Amino acid sequence: MDIIHAVTTRILPRHAQRALADRLRVMPAVVVTGSRQTGKSALAQVLAPGERRFVSLDDLDAVELARRDPEALVEGTPVTLDEVQRDPDLLRAVKRAIDRRRRAGQFLTGSANLLLMRGVSESLAGRASYLTLWPMARREQRGLGRCGVWEEILRAEDGGWLGLLGADPAGPEEWEALARRGGFPTPAVHIRTAADRAIWFEGYVRTYLKRDLQTLSSITALPDFRRLMRAACLRLGQLLNQTELARDVALPQPTARTTCPSRGQSSSRR
């Protein structure tokens, strides 16, 4: 389960909260997707506390009920189903409940890349809105609940930009420190030293390679993928050329193309 807590255990506001509330007002279901540890569970719990049941399939009792009697799990008051990928068949019960009730905001589910996971046959097409939760922006880490002042800058006259930036409560910060800290809530907000963050990131990568990747894809050569992943990370913000990428990590170009697709082109923005 993804948790975002400050030192005082206060959940930090996220920029996506308004978009999530808007989608729940319109659609029967909302699926919050995003990488592991971006804060999906915390975002789901902070929305309308007390008005929605919260069921996590990390709970073995909930998993047992989902497999034995999924209808009982989805009936009644609006419900948030966390880690729903642990029992993809539960989505069929969600679909049936939506078709019976036809009400907005019935279900909120959280999962990392639900549609890419093997064994997931139900997409809730036409019944659900998908919202991606990205890692925390710097202003979210500061407790401001937003991603920037771009709207204000676009509305302002050219000469007013410096004043807007100077009045920004987030204040200036060296970009190198921000890049090293990253946007995952735990290392960005709670861990204070670079050495401790390195331990956290090493564990995150290990979990992704040995657990999540096997669920999302059929990649078997994990050492090769790890080298490819590192090389791709060093190219963030650049054009991705699969041939060059494969050459740099000593892999055949077809392997790089399969592992790191770019919408069928030899290069694309990543």
Protein backbone atom coordinates (compact mmCIF):
# COMPACT_ATOMS: atom_id res chain seq x y z
CA MET A 1 0.00 0.00 0.00
CA ASP A 2 1.31 3.44 -0.88
CA ILE A 3 1.45 5.86 2.05
CA ILE A 4 2.20 9.59 2.06
CA HIS A 5 2.74 10.92 5.56
CA ALA A 6 4.65 13.95 6.74
CA VAL A 7 6.51 13.88 10.02
CA THR A 8 3.28 14.91 11.77
CA THR A 9 1.43 12.04 10.03
CA ARG A 10 -0.55 14.61 8.02
CA ILE A 11 -1.30 13.39 4.51
CA LEU A 12 0.12 15.86 2.02
CA PRO A 13 -2.35 17.25 -0.55
CA ARG A 14 -1.92 16.21 -4.16
CA HIS A 15 -2.56 18.15 -7.35
CA ALA A 16 -4.67 15.24 -8.65
CA GLN A 17 -7.25 15.47 -5.85
CA ARG A 18 -9.49 17.91 -7.73
CA ALA A 19 -9.35 15.87 -10.95
CA LEU A 20 -10.20 12.72 -8.99
CA ALA A 21 -13.20 14.37 -7.34
CA ASP A 22 -14.43 15.66 -10.71
CA ARG A 23 -14.23 12.19 -12.25
CA LEU A 24 -16.07 10.57 -9.36
CA ARG A 25 -18.86 13.13 -9.78
CA VAL A 26 -19.35 12.09 -13.43
CA MET A 27 -18.30 8.46 -13.86
CA PRO A 28 -19.51 5.30 -12.09
CA ALA A 29 -15.91 4.21 -11.47
CA VAL A 30 -12.48 5.81 -11.45
CA VAL A 31 -9.27 3.80 -11.75
CA VAL A 32 -6.19 5.50 -10.31
CA THR A 33 -3.09 4.08 -11.96
CA GLY A 34 0.58 4.88 -11.59
CA SER A 35 3.88 3.47 -10.50
CA ARG A 36 4.25 1.69 -7.20
CA GLN A 37 4.76 4.06 -4.25
CA THR A 38 3.47 7.22 -5.94
CA GLY A 39 0.75 7.57 -3.28
CA LYS A 40 -2.33 6.01 -4.88
CA SER A 41 -3.64 4.45 -1.67
CA ALA A 42 -3.16 7.62 0.35
CA LEU A 43 -4.94 9.66 -2.31
CA ALA A 44 -7.86 7.24 -2.31
CA GLN A 45 -8.16 7.29 1.48
CA VAL A 46 -8.05 11.07 1.86
CA LEU A 47 -10.99 11.55 -0.51
CA ALA A 48 -14.38 11.71 1.28
CA PRO A 49 -13.25 9.95 4.48
CA GLY A 50 -16.10 8.17 6.22
CA GLU A 51 -18.32 8.29 3.13
CA ARG A 52 -16.67 5.38 1.31
CA ARG A 53 -15.72 1.92 2.43
CA PHE A 54 -12.02 1.21 1.94
CA VAL A 55 -11.11 -2.38 1.06
CA SER A 56 -7.53 -3.35 0.32
CA LEU A 57 -6.75 -6.63 -1.38
CA ASP A 58 -3.50 -6.65 0.54
CA ASP A 59 -5.81 -7.97 3.29
CA LEU A 60 -6.07 -11.75 2.91
CA ASP A 61 -9.61 -11.75 4.33
CA ALA A 62 -10.65 -9.31 1.61
CA VAL A 63 -9.00 -11.47 -1.04
CA GLU A 64 -10.85 -14.54 0.24
CA LEU A 65 -14.18 -12.70 0.16
CA ALA A 66 -13.47 -11.35 -3.33
CA ARG A 67 -12.97 -14.90 -4.61
CA ARG A 68 -15.79 -16.52 -2.65
CA ASP A 69 -18.50 -13.85 -2.95
CA PRO A 70 -17.42 -10.82 -5.01
CA GLU A 71 -20.98 -9.47 -5.14
CA ALA A 72 -21.00 -9.01 -1.36
CA LEU A 73 -17.80 -6.99 -1.59
CA VAL A 74 -19.12 -4.51 -4.17
CA GLU A 75 -22.72 -4.07 -2.98
CA GLY A 76 -23.92 -1.30 -0.69
CA THR A 77 -22.22 2.05 -0.11
CA PRO A 78 -19.56 3.45 -2.47
CA VAL A 79 -16.34 1.50 -2.08
CA THR A 80 -12.66 2.01 -2.75
CA LEU A 81 -10.93 -1.18 -3.87
CA ASP A 82 -7.19 -0.91 -3.40
CA GLU A 83 -4.69 -3.23 -5.09
CA VAL A 84 -7.50 -4.59 -7.26
CA GLN A 85 -4.98 -6.26 -9.59
CA ARG A 86 -4.58 -9.00 -6.98
CA ASP A 87 -7.95 -10.39 -8.10
CA PRO A 88 -8.72 -9.17 -11.64
CA ASP A 89 -11.94 -11.21 -11.73
CA LEU A 90 -13.38 -8.80 -9.16
CA LEU A 91 -13.68 -6.22 -11.96
CA ARG A 92 -16.44 -8.31 -13.54
CA ALA A 93 -18.47 -7.97 -10.34
CA VAL A 94 -17.79 -4.22 -10.40
CA LYS A 95 -19.06 -4.06 -13.97
CA ARG A 96 -22.29 -5.88 -13.07
CA ALA A 97 -22.87 -3.59 -10.08
CA ILE A 98 -22.35 -0.49 -12.23
CA ASP A 99 -24.84 -1.73 -14.82
CA ARG A 100 -27.44 -2.38 -12.13
CA ARG A 101 -27.16 0.95 -10.32
CA ARG A 102 -26.07 3.44 -12.99
CA ARG A 103 -24.82 5.96 -10.41
CA ALA A 104 -21.69 8.10 -10.44
CA GLY A 105 -18.91 7.63 -7.92
CA GLN A 106 -19.70 4.03 -6.99
CA PHE A 107 -16.19 2.65 -7.27
CA LEU A 108 -12.67 3.92 -6.89
CA THR A 109 -9.92 1.43 -7.61
CA GLY A 110 -6.16 1.72 -7.45
CA SER A 111 -3.60 -0.33 -9.30
CA ALA A 112 -0.27 0.02 -11.06
CA ASN A 113 -0.86 -0.17 -14.83
CA LEU A 114 -3.99 -2.27 -14.55
CA LEU A 115 -4.62 -2.51 -18.29
CA LEU A 116 -1.10 -3.80 -18.97
CA MET A 117 -1.31 -6.69 -16.54
CA ARG A 118 -1.68 -10.22 -17.74
CA GLY A 119 -4.95 -11.87 -16.73
CA VAL A 120 -6.94 -8.60 -16.71
CA SER A 121 -9.71 -9.03 -19.29
CA GLU A 122 -12.17 -6.40 -18.03
CA SER A 123 -11.29 -2.75 -18.77
CA LEU A 124 -14.61 -1.20 -17.61
CA ALA A 125 -14.73 0.60 -20.95
CA GLY A 126 -17.41 3.29 -20.95
CA ARG A 127 -17.89 2.87 -17.21
CA ALA A 128 -14.60 4.12 -15.79
CA SER A 129 -12.30 7.07 -16.08
CA TYR A 130 -8.57 6.44 -15.76
CA LEU A 131 -6.41 8.89 -13.80
CA THR A 132 -2.63 8.54 -13.65
CA LEU A 133 -0.95 9.62 -10.42
CA TRP A 134 2.61 10.73 -11.12
CA PRO A 135 5.38 11.08 -8.51
CA MET A 136 5.19 14.20 -6.38
CA ALA A 137 6.09 17.56 -7.87
CA ARG A 138 8.27 19.87 -5.78
CA ARG A 139 5.32 22.01 -4.67
CA GLU A 140 3.44 18.89 -3.59
CA GLN A 141 6.45 17.89 -1.51
CA ARG A 142 6.27 21.33 0.12
CA GLY A 143 2.63 20.73 1.06
CA LEU A 144 1.18 23.17 -1.51
CA GLY A 145 -0.90 20.56 -3.37
CA ARG A 146 -0.05 21.83 -6.85
CA CYS A 147 2.48 21.32 -9.62
CA GLY A 148 3.50 24.83 -10.62
CA VAL A 149 2.48 28.38 -11.46
CA TRP A 150 2.13 27.85 -15.20
CA GLU A 151 -1.50 28.97 -15.34
CA GLU A 152 -0.63 32.24 -13.63
CA ILE A 153 2.36 32.79 -15.91
CA LEU A 154 0.26 32.22 -19.05
CA ARG A 155 -2.34 34.71 -17.85
CA ALA A 156 0.20 37.37 -16.85
CA GLU A 157 1.85 40.00 -19.00
CA ASP A 158 5.41 39.22 -20.07
CA GLY A 159 6.81 41.72 -17.61
CA GLY A 160 5.02 40.11 -14.68
CA TRP A 161 6.71 36.72 -14.82
CA LEU A 162 9.59 37.57 -12.52
CA GLY A 163 7.21 38.94 -9.90
CA LEU A 164 5.09 35.78 -9.99
CA LEU A 165 8.11 33.55 -9.63
CA GLY A 166 9.51 35.68 -6.84
CA ALA A 167 6.25 35.44 -4.90
CA ASP A 168 6.03 31.66 -5.29
CA PRO A 169 5.84 30.18 -1.76
CA ALA A 170 7.83 27.13 -2.86
CA GLY A 171 10.94 29.29 -3.24
CA PRO A 172 14.03 28.54 -5.34
CA GLU A 173 15.89 25.23 -5.23
CA GLU A 174 18.87 23.73 -7.03
CA TRP A 175 17.57 21.40 -9.72
CA GLU A 176 20.33 18.86 -9.08
CA ALA A 177 19.15 18.30 -5.51
CA LEU A 178 15.55 17.95 -6.66
CA ALA A 179 16.49 15.45 -9.37
CA ARG A 180 18.46 13.30 -6.91
CA ARG A 181 15.60 13.37 -4.40
CA GLY A 182 13.02 12.37 -6.99
CA GLY A 183 9.27 12.45 -6.54
CA PHE A 184 8.36 9.22 -4.76
CA PRO A 185 6.84 10.31 -1.42
CA THR A 186 9.00 8.22 0.89
CA PRO A 187 12.47 9.28 -0.32
CA ALA A 188 11.32 12.78 -1.29
CA VAL A 189 9.53 13.70 1.95
CA HIS A 190 10.72 11.41 4.72
CA ILE A 191 14.28 10.31 3.94
CA ARG A 192 16.82 13.05 4.59
CA THR A 193 20.19 11.74 3.40
CA ALA A 194 21.41 10.67 -0.03
CA ALA A 195 22.84 7.43 1.39
CA ASP A 196 19.48 6.43 2.88
CA ARG A 197 17.68 7.31 -0.36
CA ALA A 198 20.09 5.09 -2.27
CA ILE A 199 19.05 2.16 -0.04
CA TRP A 200 15.37 2.89 -0.71
CA PHE A 201 15.83 3.19 -4.48
CA GLU A 202 17.87 -0.01 -4.64
CA GLY A 203 15.04 -1.89 -2.94
CA TYR A 204 12.47 -0.26 -5.22
CA VAL A 205 14.31 -1.33 -8.38
CA ARG A 206 14.80 -4.85 -7.04
CA THR A 207 11.06 -5.15 -6.29
CA TYR A 208 10.12 -3.80 -9.71
CA LEU A 209 12.42 -6.19 -11.55
CA LYS A 210 11.61 -9.31 -9.57
CA ARG A 211 7.90 -8.78 -8.88
CA ASP A 212 6.09 -6.11 -10.87
CA LEU A 213 7.85 -6.69 -14.18
CA GLN A 214 6.94 -10.36 -14.18
CA THR A 215 3.28 -9.40 -13.75
CA LEU A 216 3.31 -6.70 -16.41
CA SER A 217 5.32 -8.42 -19.10
CA SER A 218 6.94 -11.64 -20.24
CA ILE A 219 10.52 -10.36 -19.95
CA THR A 220 12.78 -13.10 -18.65
CA ALA A 221 16.34 -11.75 -19.03
CA LEU A 222 16.27 -9.44 -16.02
CA PRO A 223 20.01 -8.52 -16.04
CA ASP A 224 19.70 -7.39 -19.67
CA PHE A 225 16.58 -5.40 -18.86
CA ARG A 226 18.31 -3.76 -15.88
CA ARG A 227 21.14 -2.54 -18.12
CA LEU A 228 18.64 -1.31 -20.67
CA MET A 229 16.62 0.47 -17.97
CA ARG A 230 19.70 2.31 -16.69
CA ALA A 231 20.67 3.39 -20.19
CA ALA A 232 17.15 4.64 -20.92
CA CYS A 233 17.11 6.64 -17.67
CA LEU A 234 20.30 8.41 -18.72
CA ARG A 235 18.47 9.54 -21.86
CA LEU A 236 15.52 11.21 -20.17
CA GLY A 237 14.52 14.35 -22.04
CA GLN A 238 16.28 13.24 -25.22
CA LEU A 239 15.28 11.45 -28.40
CA LEU A 240 15.19 7.71 -27.84
CA ASN A 241 17.03 5.84 -30.58
CA GLN A 242 16.61 2.11 -30.09
CA THR A 243 19.58 1.19 -32.27
CA GLU A 244 21.96 3.38 -30.26
CA LEU A 245 20.45 2.19 -27.01
CA ALA A 246 20.94 -1.46 -27.96
CA ARG A 247 24.52 -0.81 -29.07
CA ASP A 248 25.43 0.91 -25.81
CA VAL A 249 24.22 -2.01 -23.67
CA ALA A 250 25.44 -4.73 -26.05
CA LEU A 251 22.01 -6.10 -26.90
CA PRO A 252 20.48 -6.94 -30.29
CA GLN A 253 18.33 -4.12 -31.65
CA PRO A 254 15.17 -6.32 -31.82
CA THR A 255 15.58 -7.06 -28.10
CA ALA A 256 15.80 -3.36 -27.29
CA ARG A 257 12.79 -2.65 -29.45
CA THR A 258 10.70 -5.31 -27.73
CA THR A 259 11.79 -4.29 -24.25
CA CYS A 260 11.71 -0.52 -24.75
CA PRO A 261 9.06 0.18 -27.44
CA SER A 262 8.59 3.62 -28.96
CA ARG A 263 5.27 3.32 -30.78
CA GLY A 264 6.78 1.50 -33.73
CA GLN A 265 9.33 4.20 -34.64
CA SER A 266 13.11 4.15 -34.40
CA SER A 267 13.09 7.19 -32.15
CA SER A 268 10.58 9.17 -30.18
CA ARG A 269 10.27 11.54 -27.25
CA ARG A 270 10.44 9.81 -23.89
